[in-house]
Amino acid sequence: LLIVSTGYGRVSIPFSDFAITEITSHAKGVHELFPSAKTIIDIGGQDSKVIKIDKDGNVLDFVMNDKCSAGTGRFLEYMARVLELDVKQLSDFIEYEEDLTISSMCTVFAESEVVSLIAQGKKRNDIIRAINKSVALKTVSLVNRIKGENDFVMTGGVAKNKGVVLELEKRLFN
């Protein structure tokens, strides 16, 4: 039996046999469950990351967005609050009519765009789709930076958002 610690506090676990980074842990875990995976997309509440792995689950490259909340679960929570919704409801509205875009890379400016769209009388479904698309576009830019390739595996809480997943699929597989 081995005890492996990971994450930010990994060196603080005195009974751990050894410590590995969150990136390595992700790579090994995904490889165990999905041996054909080559790219891991992890969008959590605080950061988003894309990890490229080899056929043995070793990390080849990775990139993280941990400087701002745009493109993370926190961004989605914030936008849901602006729309007076529960964050889970952002996953429920995947049908849309108008292809709106939220172009701001900053959560505060994106909020202004959403408020403006509401003031213009844009439909809620269209705004929600624009929010989900915004997260997907930020994520695809990370995928492109490390030349991510099939097979993709998505982890993190945002993987539960059908709207974000759908927008990612459109961009990664077309």
N, C-alpha and C. Protein backbone atom coordinates (compact mmCIF):
# COMPACT_ATOMS: atom_id res chain seq x y z
N LEU A 1 0.84 -1.18 0.00
CA LEU A 1 0.00 0.00 0.00
C LEU A 1 0.89 1.24 0.00
N LEU A 2 0.62 2.12 -0.94
CA LEU A 2 1.34 3.39 -1.01
C LEU A 2 0.37 4.53 -0.81
N ILE A 3 0.83 5.57 -0.18
CA ILE A 3 0.05 6.79 -0.03
C ILE A 3 0.76 7.88 -0.81
N VAL A 4 0.03 8.45 -1.76
CA VAL A 4 0.58 9.50 -2.61
C VAL A 4 -0.21 10.77 -2.34
N SER A 5 0.49 11.86 -2.09
CA SER A 5 -0.19 13.14 -1.89
C SER A 5 -0.04 13.99 -3.14
N THR A 6 -1.03 14.83 -3.37
CA THR A 6 -1.02 15.67 -4.56
C THR A 6 -1.69 16.99 -4.22
N GLY A 7 -1.64 17.92 -5.15
CA GLY A 7 -2.26 19.22 -4.94
C GLY A 7 -1.33 20.19 -4.24
N TYR A 8 -1.86 21.35 -3.90
CA TYR A 8 -1.04 22.41 -3.31
C TYR A 8 -0.44 22.02 -1.96
N GLY A 9 -1.13 21.19 -1.20
CA GLY A 9 -0.65 20.82 0.12
C GLY A 9 0.11 19.51 0.17
N ARG A 10 0.51 18.99 -0.98
CA ARG A 10 1.11 17.65 -1.05
C ARG A 10 2.35 17.48 -0.18
N VAL A 11 3.16 18.53 -0.02
CA VAL A 11 4.38 18.40 0.79
C VAL A 11 4.08 18.49 2.28
N SER A 12 2.86 18.81 2.63
CA SER A 12 2.48 18.95 4.05
C SER A 12 1.91 17.67 4.64
N ILE A 13 1.85 16.60 3.86
CA ILE A 13 1.28 15.34 4.34
C ILE A 13 2.44 14.46 4.84
N PRO A 14 2.63 14.39 6.16
CA PRO A 14 3.80 13.70 6.70
C PRO A 14 3.80 12.17 6.48
N PHE A 15 2.63 11.56 6.32
CA PHE A 15 2.55 10.11 6.18
C PHE A 15 2.52 9.65 4.72
N SER A 16 2.70 10.57 3.80
CA SER A 16 2.71 10.24 2.38
C SER A 16 4.02 9.56 2.00
N ASP A 17 3.92 8.53 1.15
CA ASP A 17 5.13 7.86 0.68
C ASP A 17 5.86 8.70 -0.36
N PHE A 18 5.12 9.40 -1.19
CA PHE A 18 5.71 10.39 -2.08
C PHE A 18 4.65 11.35 -2.58
N ALA A 19 5.10 12.46 -3.11
CA ALA A 19 4.20 13.52 -3.56
C ALA A 19 4.37 13.73 -5.06
N ILE A 20 3.25 13.97 -5.73
CA ILE A 20 3.29 14.29 -7.15
C ILE A 20 2.41 15.51 -7.41
N THR A 21 2.64 16.15 -8.51
CA THR A 21 1.85 17.34 -8.83
C THR A 21 0.43 16.95 -9.24
N GLU A 22 -0.45 17.91 -9.19
CA GLU A 22 -1.83 17.71 -9.64
C GLU A 22 -1.84 17.34 -11.13
N ILE A 23 -0.95 17.93 -11.90
CA ILE A 23 -0.87 17.66 -13.33
C ILE A 23 -0.53 16.19 -13.58
N THR A 24 0.48 15.69 -12.89
CA THR A 24 0.88 14.29 -13.03
C THR A 24 -0.23 13.36 -12.56
N SER A 25 -0.86 13.71 -11.47
CA SER A 25 -1.96 12.90 -10.95
C SER A 25 -3.09 12.81 -11.96
N HIS A 26 -3.44 13.94 -12.54
CA HIS A 26 -4.48 13.95 -13.57
C HIS A 26 -4.11 13.04 -14.74
N ALA A 27 -2.88 13.19 -15.20
CA ALA A 27 -2.43 12.42 -16.36
C ALA A 27 -2.50 10.92 -16.09
N LYS A 28 -2.00 10.49 -14.95
CA LYS A 28 -2.00 9.07 -14.63
C LYS A 28 -3.42 8.54 -14.42
N GLY A 29 -4.26 9.31 -13.75
CA GLY A 29 -5.63 8.88 -13.51
C GLY A 29 -6.44 8.77 -14.79
N VAL A 30 -6.33 9.78 -15.64
CA VAL A 30 -7.07 9.75 -16.91
C VAL A 30 -6.56 8.61 -17.78
N HIS A 31 -5.26 8.43 -17.81
CA HIS A 31 -4.70 7.34 -18.63
C HIS A 31 -5.21 5.98 -18.15
N GLU A 32 -5.31 5.80 -16.86
CA GLU A 32 -5.80 4.54 -16.30
C GLU A 32 -7.24 4.27 -16.74
N LEU A 33 -8.07 5.33 -16.72
CA LEU A 33 -9.49 5.17 -17.07
C LEU A 33 -9.75 5.23 -18.57
N PHE A 34 -8.95 6.01 -19.28
CA PHE A 34 -9.14 6.22 -20.73
C PHE A 34 -7.78 6.12 -21.42
N PRO A 35 -7.30 4.91 -21.67
CA PRO A 35 -5.95 4.72 -22.22
C PRO A 35 -5.70 5.41 -23.56
N SER A 36 -6.74 5.68 -24.32
CA SER A 36 -6.54 6.31 -25.63
C SER A 36 -6.46 7.84 -25.54
N ALA A 37 -6.68 8.39 -24.36
CA ALA A 37 -6.67 9.85 -24.19
C ALA A 37 -5.31 10.43 -24.53
N LYS A 38 -5.35 11.56 -25.23
CA LYS A 38 -4.12 12.29 -25.54
C LYS A 38 -4.14 13.70 -24.96
N THR A 39 -5.35 14.22 -24.71
CA THR A 39 -5.47 15.58 -24.18
C THR A 39 -6.54 15.61 -23.10
N ILE A 40 -6.18 16.21 -21.97
CA ILE A 40 -7.09 16.36 -20.84
C ILE A 40 -7.47 17.83 -20.72
N ILE A 41 -8.76 18.09 -20.68
CA ILE A 41 -9.27 19.44 -20.46
C ILE A 41 -9.88 19.44 -19.07
N ASP A 42 -9.30 20.21 -18.17
CA ASP A 42 -9.78 20.26 -16.79
C ASP A 42 -10.22 21.69 -16.49
N ILE A 43 -11.52 21.86 -16.30
CA ILE A 43 -12.04 23.18 -15.95
C ILE A 43 -12.71 23.07 -14.58
N GLY A 44 -12.05 23.65 -13.61
CA GLY A 44 -12.56 23.64 -12.25
C GLY A 44 -13.08 25.01 -11.85
N GLY A 45 -13.31 25.17 -10.58
CA GLY A 45 -13.84 26.43 -10.08
C GLY A 45 -12.82 27.55 -10.09
N GLN A 46 -11.57 27.24 -9.86
CA GLN A 46 -10.55 28.28 -9.71
C GLN A 46 -9.63 28.42 -10.91
N ASP A 47 -9.42 27.35 -11.65
CA ASP A 47 -8.52 27.44 -12.79
C ASP A 47 -8.96 26.47 -13.89
N SER A 48 -8.36 26.63 -15.03
CA SER A 48 -8.58 25.68 -16.11
C SER A 48 -7.21 25.30 -16.65
N LYS A 49 -7.12 24.07 -17.10
CA LYS A 49 -5.83 23.59 -17.61
C LYS A 49 -6.06 22.58 -18.71
N VAL A 50 -5.09 22.49 -19.58
CA VAL A 50 -5.11 21.49 -20.64
C VAL A 50 -3.77 20.77 -20.56
N ILE A 51 -3.85 19.44 -20.55
CA ILE A 51 -2.67 18.60 -20.37
C ILE A 51 -2.57 17.65 -21.55
N LYS A 52 -1.42 17.63 -22.19
CA LYS A 52 -1.17 16.70 -23.29
C LYS A 52 -0.34 15.55 -22.75
N ILE A 53 -0.81 14.30 -23.00
CA ILE A 53 -0.12 13.12 -22.47
C ILE A 53 0.27 12.16 -23.60
N ASP A 54 1.25 11.32 -23.30
CA ASP A 54 1.67 10.32 -24.28
C ASP A 54 0.91 9.02 -24.06
N LYS A 55 1.26 8.00 -24.82
CA LYS A 55 0.55 6.72 -24.77
C LYS A 55 0.69 5.99 -23.44
N ASP A 56 1.65 6.42 -22.61
CA ASP A 56 1.85 5.81 -21.30
C ASP A 56 1.31 6.66 -20.15
N GLY A 57 0.66 7.78 -20.50
CA GLY A 57 0.10 8.65 -19.47
C GLY A 57 1.08 9.64 -18.88
N ASN A 58 2.23 9.81 -19.53
CA ASN A 58 3.21 10.80 -19.08
C ASN A 58 2.87 12.17 -19.65
N VAL A 59 3.12 13.20 -18.88
CA VAL A 59 2.83 14.56 -19.30
C VAL A 59 3.85 15.00 -20.35
N LEU A 60 3.33 15.40 -21.51
CA LEU A 60 4.18 15.96 -22.57
C LEU A 60 4.23 17.48 -22.48
N ASP A 61 3.09 18.09 -22.15
CA ASP A 61 3.01 19.54 -22.06
C ASP A 61 1.71 19.89 -21.32
N PHE A 62 1.66 21.07 -20.76
CA PHE A 62 0.42 21.55 -20.16
C PHE A 62 0.43 23.07 -20.14
N VAL A 63 -0.76 23.60 -20.05
CA VAL A 63 -0.93 25.05 -19.94
C VAL A 63 -2.08 25.29 -18.98
N MET A 64 -1.96 26.37 -18.20
CA MET A 64 -2.99 26.68 -17.20
C MET A 64 -3.46 28.11 -17.35
N ASN A 65 -4.72 28.33 -17.00
CA ASN A 65 -5.26 29.67 -16.83
C ASN A 65 -5.59 29.78 -15.35
N ASP A 66 -4.67 30.36 -14.59
CA ASP A 66 -4.93 30.53 -13.17
C ASP A 66 -4.77 31.98 -12.73
N LYS A 67 -4.65 32.86 -13.69
CA LYS A 67 -4.46 34.28 -13.39
C LYS A 67 -5.78 35.02 -13.20
N CYS A 68 -6.83 34.54 -13.86
CA CYS A 68 -8.12 35.21 -13.73
C CYS A 68 -9.21 34.15 -13.83
N SER A 69 -10.41 34.53 -13.43
CA SER A 69 -11.48 33.53 -13.37
C SER A 69 -12.16 33.28 -14.71
N ALA A 70 -11.91 34.12 -15.71
CA ALA A 70 -12.55 33.92 -17.01
C ALA A 70 -12.21 32.52 -17.53
N GLY A 71 -13.23 31.80 -17.96
CA GLY A 71 -13.02 30.45 -18.48
C GLY A 71 -13.04 29.38 -17.41
N THR A 72 -13.49 29.71 -16.20
CA THR A 72 -13.53 28.74 -15.11
C THR A 72 -14.94 28.61 -14.56
N GLY A 73 -15.09 27.68 -13.63
CA GLY A 73 -16.37 27.52 -12.96
C GLY A 73 -16.79 28.77 -12.19
N ARG A 74 -15.82 29.48 -11.64
CA ARG A 74 -16.13 30.72 -10.92
C ARG A 74 -16.76 31.74 -11.87
N PHE A 75 -16.26 31.81 -13.10
CA PHE A 75 -16.83 32.70 -14.12
C PHE A 75 -18.29 32.33 -14.36
N LEU A 76 -18.57 31.04 -14.52
CA LEU A 76 -19.94 30.59 -14.75
C LEU A 76 -20.84 30.91 -13.55
N GLU A 77 -20.33 30.71 -12.35
CA GLU A 77 -21.11 31.06 -11.15
C GLU A 77 -21.45 32.54 -11.13
N TYR A 78 -20.47 33.36 -11.47
CA TYR A 78 -20.68 34.80 -11.48
C TYR A 78 -21.71 35.21 -12.53
N MET A 79 -21.60 34.64 -13.72
CA MET A 79 -22.54 34.97 -14.79
C MET A 79 -23.95 34.47 -14.46
N ALA A 80 -24.05 33.32 -13.81
CA ALA A 80 -25.37 32.81 -13.39
C ALA A 80 -26.01 33.78 -12.41
N ARG A 81 -25.21 34.31 -11.51
CA ARG A 81 -25.73 35.27 -10.53
C ARG A 81 -26.24 36.53 -11.23
N VAL A 82 -25.52 36.99 -12.26
CA VAL A 82 -25.95 38.17 -13.02
C VAL A 82 -27.31 37.90 -13.67
N LEU A 83 -27.52 36.68 -14.14
CA LEU A 83 -28.77 36.30 -14.79
C LEU A 83 -29.84 35.84 -13.78
N GLU A 84 -29.49 35.88 -12.50
CA GLU A 84 -30.39 35.44 -11.44
C GLU A 84 -30.80 33.99 -11.61
N LEU A 85 -29.80 33.15 -11.90
CA LEU A 85 -30.00 31.71 -12.08
C LEU A 85 -29.08 30.95 -11.14
N ASP A 86 -29.38 29.70 -10.95
CA ASP A 86 -28.46 28.78 -10.31
C ASP A 86 -27.46 28.35 -11.38
N VAL A 87 -26.21 28.15 -11.02
CA VAL A 87 -25.19 27.81 -12.01
C VAL A 87 -25.56 26.54 -12.79
N LYS A 88 -26.27 25.61 -12.15
CA LYS A 88 -26.68 24.39 -12.84
C LYS A 88 -27.61 24.69 -14.01
N GLN A 89 -28.36 25.78 -13.91
CA GLN A 89 -29.30 26.13 -14.98
C GLN A 89 -28.58 26.57 -16.26
N LEU A 90 -27.32 26.96 -16.17
CA LEU A 90 -26.59 27.32 -17.39
C LEU A 90 -26.42 26.12 -18.31
N SER A 91 -26.57 24.95 -17.76
CA SER A 91 -26.47 23.73 -18.54
C SER A 91 -27.80 23.35 -19.19
N ASP A 92 -28.89 23.93 -18.69
CA ASP A 92 -30.22 23.54 -19.14
C ASP A 92 -30.65 24.23 -20.44
N PHE A 93 -30.05 25.35 -20.75
CA PHE A 93 -30.49 26.16 -21.89
C PHE A 93 -29.50 26.01 -23.04
N ILE A 94 -29.61 24.95 -23.81
CA ILE A 94 -28.66 24.75 -24.90
C ILE A 94 -29.25 25.11 -26.27
N GLU A 95 -30.55 25.32 -26.32
CA GLU A 95 -31.18 25.77 -27.56
C GLU A 95 -31.05 27.29 -27.63
N TYR A 96 -30.74 27.80 -28.82
CA TYR A 96 -30.61 29.25 -28.97
C TYR A 96 -31.07 29.65 -30.36
N GLU A 97 -31.34 30.94 -30.52
CA GLU A 97 -31.75 31.48 -31.81
C GLU A 97 -30.68 32.39 -32.39
N GLU A 98 -30.20 33.33 -31.58
CA GLU A 98 -29.23 34.32 -32.06
C GLU A 98 -27.84 33.98 -31.54
N ASP A 99 -26.87 34.00 -32.45
CA ASP A 99 -25.48 33.68 -32.09
C ASP A 99 -24.80 34.92 -31.50
N LEU A 100 -24.94 35.08 -30.19
CA LEU A 100 -24.32 36.21 -29.50
C LEU A 100 -22.90 35.84 -29.08
N THR A 101 -22.08 36.86 -28.87
CA THR A 101 -20.71 36.63 -28.44
C THR A 101 -20.38 37.54 -27.26
N ILE A 102 -19.73 36.97 -26.28
CA ILE A 102 -19.16 37.75 -25.18
C ILE A 102 -17.66 37.76 -25.43
N SER A 103 -17.14 38.92 -25.75
CA SER A 103 -15.75 38.99 -26.21
C SER A 103 -14.75 39.34 -25.12
N SER A 104 -15.21 39.86 -24.00
CA SER A 104 -14.29 40.28 -22.94
C SER A 104 -13.57 39.09 -22.33
N MET A 105 -12.28 39.26 -22.11
CA MET A 105 -11.47 38.22 -21.47
C MET A 105 -11.51 38.36 -19.95
N CYS A 106 -12.11 39.42 -19.45
CA CYS A 106 -12.16 39.70 -18.02
C CYS A 106 -13.59 39.51 -17.52
N THR A 107 -13.73 38.88 -16.37
CA THR A 107 -15.05 38.61 -15.81
C THR A 107 -15.85 39.89 -15.57
N VAL A 108 -15.20 40.92 -15.08
CA VAL A 108 -15.89 42.18 -14.79
C VAL A 108 -16.43 42.81 -16.08
N PHE A 109 -15.62 42.81 -17.14
CA PHE A 109 -16.08 43.37 -18.41
C PHE A 109 -17.12 42.46 -19.06
N ALA A 110 -16.98 41.15 -18.89
CA ALA A 110 -17.98 40.21 -19.41
C ALA A 110 -19.32 40.44 -18.73
N GLU A 111 -19.30 40.75 -17.44
CA GLU A 111 -20.53 41.07 -16.73
C GLU A 111 -21.22 42.27 -17.38
N SER A 112 -20.44 43.28 -17.71
CA SER A 112 -20.99 44.47 -18.38
C SER A 112 -21.63 44.10 -19.71
N GLU A 113 -20.99 43.20 -20.45
CA GLU A 113 -21.56 42.76 -21.72
C GLU A 113 -22.89 42.03 -21.50
N VAL A 114 -22.95 41.17 -20.49
CA VAL A 114 -24.18 40.43 -20.20
C VAL A 114 -25.29 41.40 -19.79
N VAL A 115 -24.97 42.35 -18.93
CA VAL A 115 -25.96 43.35 -18.51
C VAL A 115 -26.45 44.13 -19.71
N SER A 116 -25.54 44.47 -20.62
CA SER A 116 -25.92 45.19 -21.83
C SER A 116 -26.84 44.35 -22.71
N LEU A 117 -26.53 43.06 -22.84
CA LEU A 117 -27.38 42.16 -23.64
C LEU A 117 -28.78 42.05 -23.04
N ILE A 118 -28.84 42.00 -21.71
CA ILE A 118 -30.14 41.96 -21.03
C ILE A 118 -30.90 43.25 -21.33
N ALA A 119 -30.22 44.38 -21.22
CA ALA A 119 -30.85 45.69 -21.46
C ALA A 119 -31.35 45.82 -22.90
N GLN A 120 -30.66 45.15 -23.84
CA GLN A 120 -31.07 45.17 -25.24
C GLN A 120 -32.25 44.24 -25.52
N GLY A 121 -32.66 43.51 -24.50
CA GLY A 121 -33.80 42.61 -24.65
C GLY A 121 -33.45 41.28 -25.31
N LYS A 122 -32.17 40.92 -25.29
CA LYS A 122 -31.77 39.64 -25.88
C LYS A 122 -32.35 38.49 -25.05
N LYS A 123 -32.63 37.39 -25.70
CA LYS A 123 -33.23 36.24 -25.04
C LYS A 123 -32.24 35.56 -24.10
N ARG A 124 -32.79 35.10 -22.98
CA ARG A 124 -31.96 34.46 -21.96
C ARG A 124 -31.17 33.27 -22.53
N ASN A 125 -31.83 32.43 -23.32
CA ASN A 125 -31.13 31.27 -23.89
C ASN A 125 -29.94 31.70 -24.74
N ASP A 126 -30.11 32.78 -25.49
CA ASP A 126 -29.03 33.26 -26.35
C ASP A 126 -27.86 33.79 -25.52
N ILE A 127 -28.17 34.45 -24.42
CA ILE A 127 -27.12 34.97 -23.54
C ILE A 127 -26.38 33.82 -22.86
N ILE A 128 -27.14 32.84 -22.39
CA ILE A 128 -26.52 31.68 -21.74
C ILE A 128 -25.62 30.94 -22.72
N ARG A 129 -26.07 30.78 -23.93
CA ARG A 129 -25.24 30.12 -24.94
C ARG A 129 -23.96 30.92 -25.17
N ALA A 130 -24.05 32.25 -25.19
CA ALA A 130 -22.88 33.11 -25.37
C ALA A 130 -21.89 32.94 -24.22
N ILE A 131 -22.41 32.80 -23.01
CA ILE A 131 -21.56 32.58 -21.84
C ILE A 131 -20.82 31.24 -21.96
N ASN A 132 -21.57 30.19 -22.29
CA ASN A 132 -20.96 28.87 -22.45
C ASN A 132 -19.95 28.86 -23.60
N LYS A 133 -20.29 29.55 -24.67
CA LYS A 133 -19.38 29.64 -25.82
C LYS A 133 -18.10 30.37 -25.42
N SER A 134 -18.23 31.39 -24.59
CA SER A 134 -17.07 32.14 -24.13
C SER A 134 -16.08 31.24 -23.39
N VAL A 135 -16.60 30.39 -22.51
CA VAL A 135 -15.74 29.45 -21.79
C VAL A 135 -15.09 28.48 -22.77
N ALA A 136 -15.86 27.98 -23.71
CA ALA A 136 -15.33 27.04 -24.70
C ALA A 136 -14.22 27.68 -25.54
N LEU A 137 -14.42 28.91 -25.97
CA LEU A 137 -13.40 29.58 -26.79
C LEU A 137 -12.11 29.79 -26.02
N LYS A 138 -12.20 30.16 -24.75
CA LYS A 138 -11.00 30.33 -23.93
C LYS A 138 -10.28 28.99 -23.77
N THR A 139 -11.07 27.93 -23.62
CA THR A 139 -10.49 26.60 -23.45
C THR A 139 -9.82 26.12 -24.73
N VAL A 140 -10.48 26.34 -25.86
CA VAL A 140 -9.90 25.92 -27.14
C VAL A 140 -8.58 26.64 -27.40
N SER A 141 -8.48 27.89 -26.96
CA SER A 141 -7.20 28.60 -27.14
C SER A 141 -6.10 27.92 -26.34
N LEU A 142 -6.43 27.39 -25.15
CA LEU A 142 -5.44 26.63 -24.38
C LEU A 142 -5.08 25.33 -25.10
N VAL A 143 -6.09 24.63 -25.62
CA VAL A 143 -5.85 23.40 -26.37
C VAL A 143 -4.91 23.67 -27.54
N ASN A 144 -5.15 24.74 -28.25
CA ASN A 144 -4.32 25.07 -29.41
C ASN A 144 -2.89 25.42 -29.03
N ARG A 145 -2.71 26.03 -27.86
CA ARG A 145 -1.36 26.40 -27.43
C ARG A 145 -0.46 25.20 -27.25
N ILE A 146 -1.03 24.06 -26.85
CA ILE A 146 -0.18 22.87 -26.68
C ILE A 146 -0.41 21.83 -27.78
N LYS A 147 -1.13 22.26 -28.83
CA LYS A 147 -1.41 21.37 -29.96
C LYS A 147 -2.11 20.09 -29.49
N GLY A 148 -3.17 20.27 -28.69
CA GLY A 148 -3.94 19.14 -28.20
C GLY A 148 -4.57 18.36 -29.33
N GLU A 149 -4.75 17.07 -29.10
CA GLU A 149 -5.32 16.21 -30.14
C GLU A 149 -6.20 15.13 -29.52
N ASN A 150 -7.03 14.51 -30.36
CA ASN A 150 -7.89 13.40 -29.93
C ASN A 150 -7.05 12.27 -29.36
N ASP A 151 -7.60 11.58 -28.45
CA ASP A 151 -8.87 11.62 -27.78
C ASP A 151 -8.81 12.63 -26.63
N PHE A 152 -9.90 13.38 -26.46
CA PHE A 152 -10.00 14.35 -25.39
C PHE A 152 -10.79 13.75 -24.22
N VAL A 153 -10.39 14.11 -23.01
CA VAL A 153 -11.13 13.77 -21.80
C VAL A 153 -11.32 15.07 -21.03
N MET A 154 -12.53 15.30 -20.56
CA MET A 154 -12.81 16.51 -19.80
C MET A 154 -13.06 16.16 -18.35
N THR A 155 -12.41 16.88 -17.45
CA THR A 155 -12.58 16.69 -16.02
C THR A 155 -12.92 18.03 -15.38
N GLY A 156 -13.24 17.99 -14.10
CA GLY A 156 -13.59 19.22 -13.38
C GLY A 156 -15.10 19.42 -13.39
N GLY A 157 -15.56 20.25 -12.51
CA GLY A 157 -16.99 20.48 -12.35
C GLY A 157 -17.69 21.01 -13.58
N VAL A 158 -16.99 21.78 -14.41
CA VAL A 158 -17.61 22.35 -15.61
C VAL A 158 -17.95 21.26 -16.63
N ALA A 159 -17.36 20.08 -16.47
CA ALA A 159 -17.71 18.96 -17.36
C ALA A 159 -19.19 18.59 -17.23
N LYS A 160 -19.84 19.03 -16.15
CA LYS A 160 -21.27 18.77 -15.97
C LYS A 160 -22.14 19.76 -16.75
N ASN A 161 -21.54 20.81 -17.28
CA ASN A 161 -22.29 21.82 -18.02
C ASN A 161 -22.41 21.38 -19.48
N LYS A 162 -23.60 20.89 -19.85
CA LYS A 162 -23.82 20.39 -21.22
C LYS A 162 -23.58 21.46 -22.27
N GLY A 163 -23.88 22.71 -21.94
CA GLY A 163 -23.69 23.80 -22.89
C GLY A 163 -22.23 24.02 -23.22
N VAL A 164 -21.37 24.04 -22.21
CA VAL A 164 -19.93 24.21 -22.44
C VAL A 164 -19.39 23.01 -23.21
N VAL A 165 -19.77 21.81 -22.80
CA VAL A 165 -19.30 20.59 -23.48
C VAL A 165 -19.70 20.62 -24.96
N LEU A 166 -20.94 20.98 -25.23
CA LEU A 166 -21.42 21.05 -26.62
C LEU A 166 -20.61 22.06 -27.42
N GLU A 167 -20.35 23.23 -26.84
CA GLU A 167 -19.58 24.26 -27.55
C GLU A 167 -18.13 23.81 -27.77
N LEU A 168 -17.58 23.09 -26.82
CA LEU A 168 -16.22 22.54 -27.01
C LEU A 168 -16.21 21.51 -28.14
N GLU A 169 -17.19 20.62 -28.13
CA GLU A 169 -17.26 19.59 -29.16
C GLU A 169 -17.33 20.22 -30.55
N LYS A 170 -18.15 21.25 -30.70
CA LYS A 170 -18.28 21.93 -32.00
C LYS A 170 -16.94 22.42 -32.51
N ARG A 171 -16.13 22.93 -31.60
CA ARG A 171 -14.86 23.55 -31.99
C ARG A 171 -13.70 22.57 -32.09
N LEU A 172 -13.76 21.50 -31.34
CA LEU A 172 -12.66 20.54 -31.36
C LEU A 172 -12.82 19.46 -32.42
N PHE A 173 -14.05 19.20 -32.83
CA PHE A 173 -14.28 18.10 -33.75
C PHE A 173 -14.77 18.55 -35.13
N ASN A 174 -14.82 19.86 -35.37
CA ASN A 174 -15.25 20.34 -36.69
C ASN A 174 -14.16 21.14 -37.35
